[in-house]
Amino acid sequence: MAHFARIDKNNIVTEVIVVEQEVINSGVFGEPEQWVQTSYNTYGGVHVHGGTPFRKNFAGKGMIWDADRDAFYAPKPFASWVLNESTCYWEPPIASPGDTVDEDGTVNSHKWDETTQTWIPFSY
């Protein structure tokens, strides 16, 4: 069994199923050309068990199939972000400062503000 992503006319993943290649080839789920195999064990161009990475990232609904890169990746979150060709993850122009903890134990995370091109802290 393998995972296959159905790709629409705009190269967007509409669903992911587990099925044999022969079943995809039979056309029972539609045109075989609509389906692209994906690896449940590949994220950011790395196979989680040390194997050979396959198509950069495991496909998910709403992701993009890029045949030229032979990769699946998420839609671009912000205009200023750039696709890392090695991982096929979007990267901000300024690295995230990560979470910080105040003296009172408050955890501060950060969210990207595209207008100011900065990370804005918020607490939870």
N, C-alpha and C. Protein backbone atom coordinates (compact mmCIF):
# COMPACT_ATOMS: atom_id res chain seq x y z
N MET A 1 0.84 -1.19 0.00
CA MET A 1 0.00 0.00 0.00
C MET A 1 0.88 1.24 0.00
N ALA A 2 0.35 2.28 -0.59
CA ALA A 2 1.06 3.54 -0.66
C ALA A 2 0.07 4.69 -0.53
N HIS A 3 0.57 5.87 -0.25
CA HIS A 3 -0.25 7.07 -0.18
C HIS A 3 -0.22 7.76 -1.53
N PHE A 4 -1.40 8.20 -1.99
CA PHE A 4 -1.51 8.93 -3.25
C PHE A 4 -2.34 10.18 -3.02
N ALA A 5 -1.91 11.28 -3.64
CA ALA A 5 -2.60 12.56 -3.55
C ALA A 5 -3.31 12.82 -4.87
N ARG A 6 -4.60 13.17 -4.80
CA ARG A 6 -5.34 13.58 -6.00
C ARG A 6 -5.04 15.05 -6.24
N ILE A 7 -4.66 15.36 -7.46
CA ILE A 7 -4.27 16.71 -7.84
C ILE A 7 -5.32 17.28 -8.79
N ASP A 8 -5.80 18.49 -8.52
CA ASP A 8 -6.77 19.11 -9.43
C ASP A 8 -6.07 19.83 -10.58
N LYS A 9 -6.83 20.49 -11.43
CA LYS A 9 -6.27 21.15 -12.62
C LYS A 9 -5.33 22.30 -12.28
N ASN A 10 -5.39 22.80 -11.03
CA ASN A 10 -4.51 23.88 -10.58
C ASN A 10 -3.33 23.37 -9.76
N ASN A 11 -3.13 22.04 -9.77
CA ASN A 11 -2.05 21.38 -9.03
C ASN A 11 -2.21 21.49 -7.52
N ILE A 12 -3.45 21.54 -7.06
CA ILE A 12 -3.76 21.58 -5.64
C ILE A 12 -4.20 20.18 -5.21
N VAL A 13 -3.70 19.73 -4.06
CA VAL A 13 -4.10 18.43 -3.52
C VAL A 13 -5.52 18.54 -2.98
N THR A 14 -6.40 17.64 -3.46
CA THR A 14 -7.79 17.65 -3.00
C THR A 14 -8.08 16.54 -2.00
N GLU A 15 -7.26 15.48 -2.01
CA GLU A 15 -7.41 14.39 -1.04
C GLU A 15 -6.19 13.50 -1.10
N VAL A 16 -5.99 12.74 -0.04
CA VAL A 16 -4.90 11.76 0.03
C VAL A 16 -5.52 10.44 0.49
N ILE A 17 -5.19 9.36 -0.22
CA ILE A 17 -5.71 8.05 0.13
C ILE A 17 -4.58 7.04 0.21
N VAL A 18 -4.85 5.91 0.86
CA VAL A 18 -3.92 4.79 0.92
C VAL A 18 -4.49 3.71 0.01
N VAL A 19 -3.70 3.29 -0.98
CA VAL A 19 -4.19 2.35 -1.98
C VAL A 19 -3.00 1.75 -2.73
N GLU A 20 -3.24 0.65 -3.39
CA GLU A 20 -2.20 0.03 -4.23
C GLU A 20 -2.08 0.78 -5.56
N GLN A 21 -0.87 0.82 -6.10
CA GLN A 21 -0.63 1.46 -7.39
C GLN A 21 -1.53 0.86 -8.48
N GLU A 22 -1.77 -0.44 -8.42
CA GLU A 22 -2.59 -1.11 -9.44
C GLU A 22 -4.02 -0.57 -9.44
N VAL A 23 -4.52 -0.23 -8.26
CA VAL A 23 -5.88 0.31 -8.15
C VAL A 23 -5.92 1.71 -8.77
N ILE A 24 -4.92 2.52 -8.50
CA ILE A 24 -4.83 3.84 -9.14
C ILE A 24 -4.80 3.66 -10.66
N ASN A 25 -3.96 2.76 -11.13
CA ASN A 25 -3.81 2.51 -12.56
C ASN A 25 -5.10 2.01 -13.21
N SER A 26 -5.96 1.36 -12.44
CA SER A 26 -7.21 0.80 -12.99
C SER A 26 -8.22 1.88 -13.33
N GLY A 27 -8.07 3.07 -12.75
CA GLY A 27 -9.01 4.16 -13.02
C GLY A 27 -10.23 4.17 -12.14
N VAL A 28 -10.30 3.26 -11.17
CA VAL A 28 -11.48 3.20 -10.30
C VAL A 28 -11.67 4.50 -9.50
N PHE A 29 -10.60 5.23 -9.25
CA PHE A 29 -10.68 6.51 -8.53
C PHE A 29 -10.54 7.71 -9.47
N GLY A 30 -10.77 7.50 -10.74
CA GLY A 30 -10.62 8.57 -11.72
C GLY A 30 -9.36 8.38 -12.54
N GLU A 31 -9.06 9.36 -13.34
CA GLU A 31 -7.90 9.29 -14.22
C GLU A 31 -6.62 9.08 -13.42
N PRO A 32 -5.84 8.06 -13.76
CA PRO A 32 -4.59 7.82 -13.03
C PRO A 32 -3.65 9.02 -13.02
N GLU A 33 -3.72 9.86 -14.05
CA GLU A 33 -2.85 11.04 -14.12
C GLU A 33 -3.17 12.06 -13.04
N GLN A 34 -4.35 11.96 -12.41
CA GLN A 34 -4.74 12.87 -11.34
C GLN A 34 -4.06 12.52 -10.02
N TRP A 35 -3.40 11.38 -9.95
CA TRP A 35 -2.85 10.89 -8.69
C TRP A 35 -1.34 10.90 -8.70
N VAL A 36 -0.75 11.39 -7.61
CA VAL A 36 0.70 11.43 -7.45
C VAL A 36 1.03 10.77 -6.12
N GLN A 37 1.98 9.84 -6.15
CA GLN A 37 2.36 9.16 -4.92
C GLN A 37 3.09 10.13 -3.99
N THR A 38 2.88 9.94 -2.70
CA THR A 38 3.51 10.77 -1.67
C THR A 38 4.01 9.87 -0.54
N SER A 39 4.94 10.35 0.25
CA SER A 39 5.52 9.54 1.32
C SER A 39 5.13 10.08 2.69
N TYR A 40 4.49 9.23 3.46
CA TYR A 40 4.09 9.57 4.82
C TYR A 40 5.29 9.85 5.71
N ASN A 41 6.46 9.41 5.31
CA ASN A 41 7.66 9.52 6.13
C ASN A 41 8.61 10.64 5.71
N THR A 42 8.20 11.50 4.79
CA THR A 42 9.09 12.56 4.31
C THR A 42 8.54 13.94 4.68
N TYR A 43 9.37 14.71 5.36
CA TYR A 43 9.03 16.08 5.76
C TYR A 43 10.27 16.95 5.63
N GLY A 44 10.14 18.08 4.97
CA GLY A 44 11.27 18.99 4.82
C GLY A 44 12.44 18.38 4.08
N GLY A 45 12.15 17.47 3.16
CA GLY A 45 13.19 16.84 2.37
C GLY A 45 13.99 15.79 3.12
N VAL A 46 13.48 15.34 4.28
CA VAL A 46 14.16 14.34 5.10
C VAL A 46 13.20 13.19 5.38
N HIS A 47 13.69 11.97 5.21
CA HIS A 47 12.91 10.78 5.56
C HIS A 47 13.08 10.56 7.07
N VAL A 48 11.99 10.48 7.79
CA VAL A 48 12.05 10.44 9.26
C VAL A 48 12.73 9.18 9.81
N HIS A 49 12.83 8.13 9.00
CA HIS A 49 13.49 6.90 9.44
C HIS A 49 14.84 6.70 8.78
N GLY A 50 15.39 7.75 8.18
CA GLY A 50 16.70 7.68 7.57
C GLY A 50 16.72 7.11 6.17
N GLY A 51 15.56 6.85 5.62
CA GLY A 51 15.48 6.34 4.25
C GLY A 51 15.66 7.45 3.23
N THR A 52 15.32 7.14 2.01
CA THR A 52 15.42 8.11 0.92
C THR A 52 14.19 9.02 0.93
N PRO A 53 14.38 10.34 1.04
CA PRO A 53 13.23 11.26 1.02
C PRO A 53 12.52 11.20 -0.33
N PHE A 54 11.22 11.44 -0.31
CA PHE A 54 10.41 11.34 -1.51
C PHE A 54 9.49 12.54 -1.63
N ARG A 55 9.71 13.36 -2.60
CA ARG A 55 8.86 14.51 -2.94
C ARG A 55 8.78 15.57 -1.84
N LYS A 56 9.85 15.74 -1.12
CA LYS A 56 10.08 16.80 -0.12
C LYS A 56 9.17 16.74 1.10
N ASN A 57 7.84 16.61 0.90
CA ASN A 57 6.90 16.63 2.02
C ASN A 57 5.72 15.71 1.75
N PHE A 58 5.20 15.12 2.81
CA PHE A 58 3.97 14.34 2.69
C PHE A 58 2.85 15.27 2.27
N ALA A 59 2.12 14.90 1.26
CA ALA A 59 1.04 15.74 0.74
C ALA A 59 -0.12 15.82 1.72
N GLY A 60 -0.78 16.96 1.74
CA GLY A 60 -1.99 17.16 2.53
C GLY A 60 -2.97 17.99 1.72
N LYS A 61 -4.22 17.89 2.07
CA LYS A 61 -5.26 18.64 1.37
C LYS A 61 -4.92 20.13 1.36
N GLY A 62 -5.00 20.73 0.19
CA GLY A 62 -4.71 22.15 0.04
C GLY A 62 -3.27 22.46 -0.33
N MET A 63 -2.40 21.46 -0.25
CA MET A 63 -0.99 21.68 -0.61
C MET A 63 -0.85 21.75 -2.13
N ILE A 64 0.30 22.18 -2.57
CA ILE A 64 0.60 22.36 -3.99
C ILE A 64 1.50 21.22 -4.46
N TRP A 65 1.19 20.69 -5.64
CA TRP A 65 2.07 19.72 -6.30
C TRP A 65 2.86 20.49 -7.35
N ASP A 66 4.18 20.44 -7.27
CA ASP A 66 5.06 21.11 -8.20
C ASP A 66 5.88 20.05 -8.93
N ALA A 67 5.46 19.73 -10.14
CA ALA A 67 6.12 18.67 -10.91
C ALA A 67 7.56 19.04 -11.24
N ASP A 68 7.84 20.31 -11.48
CA ASP A 68 9.20 20.73 -11.81
C ASP A 68 10.16 20.47 -10.64
N ARG A 69 9.69 20.69 -9.42
CA ARG A 69 10.51 20.45 -8.23
C ARG A 69 10.36 19.01 -7.73
N ASP A 70 9.38 18.28 -8.29
CA ASP A 70 9.03 16.95 -7.81
C ASP A 70 8.77 17.01 -6.31
N ALA A 71 7.88 17.96 -5.93
CA ALA A 71 7.68 18.24 -4.51
C ALA A 71 6.26 18.69 -4.20
N PHE A 72 5.85 18.41 -2.96
CA PHE A 72 4.63 18.96 -2.40
C PHE A 72 5.02 20.03 -1.39
N TYR A 73 4.27 21.14 -1.36
CA TYR A 73 4.50 22.16 -0.34
C TYR A 73 3.23 22.95 -0.08
N ALA A 74 3.20 23.61 1.06
CA ALA A 74 2.04 24.41 1.46
C ALA A 74 1.94 25.67 0.61
N PRO A 75 0.75 26.26 0.54
CA PRO A 75 0.62 27.55 -0.15
C PRO A 75 1.48 28.61 0.54
N LYS A 76 1.90 29.59 -0.21
CA LYS A 76 2.74 30.66 0.33
C LYS A 76 1.96 31.45 1.38
N PRO A 77 2.47 31.53 2.62
CA PRO A 77 1.71 32.19 3.68
C PRO A 77 1.74 33.72 3.61
N PHE A 78 2.85 34.27 3.15
CA PHE A 78 3.00 35.72 3.06
C PHE A 78 3.82 36.06 1.81
N ALA A 79 3.56 37.22 1.24
CA ALA A 79 4.25 37.62 0.01
C ALA A 79 5.76 37.69 0.18
N SER A 80 6.23 38.03 1.35
CA SER A 80 7.67 38.23 1.57
C SER A 80 8.43 36.92 1.81
N TRP A 81 7.74 35.84 2.05
CA TRP A 81 8.41 34.58 2.37
C TRP A 81 8.93 33.91 1.11
N VAL A 82 10.00 33.15 1.26
CA VAL A 82 10.69 32.50 0.14
C VAL A 82 10.70 31.00 0.36
N LEU A 83 10.52 30.27 -0.73
CA LEU A 83 10.53 28.81 -0.65
C LEU A 83 11.96 28.30 -0.56
N ASN A 84 12.25 27.53 0.49
CA ASN A 84 13.55 26.89 0.63
C ASN A 84 13.55 25.68 -0.30
N GLU A 85 14.43 25.67 -1.28
CA GLU A 85 14.45 24.62 -2.29
C GLU A 85 14.84 23.26 -1.72
N SER A 86 15.57 23.23 -0.63
CA SER A 86 15.98 21.96 -0.02
C SER A 86 14.85 21.30 0.76
N THR A 87 14.07 22.11 1.47
CA THR A 87 13.02 21.57 2.32
C THR A 87 11.62 21.72 1.72
N CYS A 88 11.48 22.67 0.81
CA CYS A 88 10.17 23.08 0.29
C CYS A 88 9.25 23.54 1.42
N TYR A 89 9.86 24.23 2.39
CA TYR A 89 9.14 24.96 3.43
C TYR A 89 9.31 26.45 3.12
N TRP A 90 8.29 27.24 3.44
CA TRP A 90 8.37 28.68 3.27
C TRP A 90 9.14 29.28 4.45
N GLU A 91 10.03 30.22 4.14
CA GLU A 91 10.84 30.85 5.18
C GLU A 91 10.65 32.36 5.18
N PRO A 92 10.55 32.95 6.36
CA PRO A 92 10.38 34.39 6.46
C PRO A 92 11.70 35.10 6.16
N PRO A 93 11.62 36.38 5.81
CA PRO A 93 12.85 37.14 5.54
C PRO A 93 13.69 37.36 6.80
N ILE A 94 13.06 37.26 7.97
CA ILE A 94 13.74 37.39 9.25
C ILE A 94 13.37 36.16 10.08
N ALA A 95 14.36 35.46 10.61
CA ALA A 95 14.09 34.26 11.39
C ALA A 95 13.24 34.58 12.61
N SER A 96 12.37 33.65 12.97
CA SER A 96 11.53 33.81 14.16
C SER A 96 12.40 33.82 15.41
N PRO A 97 12.09 34.69 16.36
CA PRO A 97 12.85 34.70 17.61
C PRO A 97 12.51 33.50 18.50
N GLY A 98 11.48 32.74 18.15
CA GLY A 98 11.09 31.60 18.96
C GLY A 98 10.34 32.03 20.20
N ASP A 99 9.97 31.07 21.01
CA ASP A 99 9.25 31.37 22.25
C ASP A 99 10.22 31.87 23.32
N THR A 100 9.74 32.77 24.13
CA THR A 100 10.49 33.26 25.28
C THR A 100 9.60 33.16 26.52
N VAL A 101 10.20 33.15 27.68
CA VAL A 101 9.44 33.06 28.93
C VAL A 101 9.81 34.25 29.80
N ASP A 102 8.79 34.99 30.24
CA ASP A 102 8.99 36.13 31.15
C ASP A 102 9.33 35.63 32.55
N GLU A 103 9.77 36.55 33.40
CA GLU A 103 10.10 36.21 34.79
C GLU A 103 8.92 35.60 35.54
N ASP A 104 7.70 36.02 35.16
CA ASP A 104 6.51 35.48 35.83
C ASP A 104 6.03 34.16 35.24
N GLY A 105 6.79 33.62 34.26
CA GLY A 105 6.44 32.34 33.66
C GLY A 105 5.55 32.44 32.44
N THR A 106 5.21 33.66 32.03
CA THR A 106 4.38 33.84 30.85
C THR A 106 5.18 33.47 29.61
N VAL A 107 4.59 32.62 28.79
CA VAL A 107 5.24 32.22 27.53
C VAL A 107 4.85 33.22 26.45
N ASN A 108 5.84 33.75 25.77
CA ASN A 108 5.61 34.67 24.66
C ASN A 108 5.97 33.98 23.35
N SER A 109 5.00 33.86 22.48
CA SER A 109 5.25 33.37 21.13
C SER A 109 5.28 34.58 20.21
N HIS A 110 5.48 34.33 18.94
CA HIS A 110 5.54 35.43 17.99
C HIS A 110 4.76 35.07 16.73
N LYS A 111 4.15 36.07 16.13
CA LYS A 111 3.46 35.88 14.85
C LYS A 111 4.01 36.90 13.86
N TRP A 112 4.02 36.51 12.60
CA TRP A 112 4.57 37.37 11.56
C TRP A 112 3.59 38.46 11.20
N ASP A 113 4.09 39.69 11.10
CA ASP A 113 3.30 40.83 10.64
C ASP A 113 3.85 41.24 9.28
N GLU A 114 3.12 40.94 8.24
CA GLU A 114 3.59 41.21 6.88
C GLU A 114 3.72 42.71 6.61
N THR A 115 2.87 43.51 7.21
CA THR A 115 2.90 44.95 6.97
C THR A 115 4.20 45.58 7.47
N THR A 116 4.63 45.19 8.67
CA THR A 116 5.84 45.77 9.25
C THR A 116 7.08 44.90 9.02
N GLN A 117 6.86 43.71 8.47
CA GLN A 117 7.95 42.75 8.22
C GLN A 117 8.72 42.44 9.50
N THR A 118 7.94 42.25 10.59
CA THR A 118 8.55 41.93 11.89
C THR A 118 7.74 40.84 12.57
N TRP A 119 8.36 40.25 13.60
CA TRP A 119 7.68 39.28 14.46
C TRP A 119 7.06 40.02 15.62
N ILE A 120 5.80 39.80 15.86
CA ILE A 120 5.06 40.47 16.93
C ILE A 120 4.84 39.48 18.06
N PRO A 121 5.27 39.83 19.29
CA PRO A 121 5.08 38.90 20.41
C PRO A 121 3.61 38.87 20.86
N PHE A 122 3.21 37.71 21.33
CA PHE A 122 1.92 37.57 22.00
C PHE A 122 2.05 36.52 23.09
N SER A 123 1.24 36.66 24.12
CA SER A 123 1.32 35.76 25.27
C SER A 123 0.10 34.87 25.33
N TYR A 124 0.31 33.73 25.93
CA TYR A 124 -0.83 32.82 26.17
C TYR A 124 -0.63 32.10 27.48
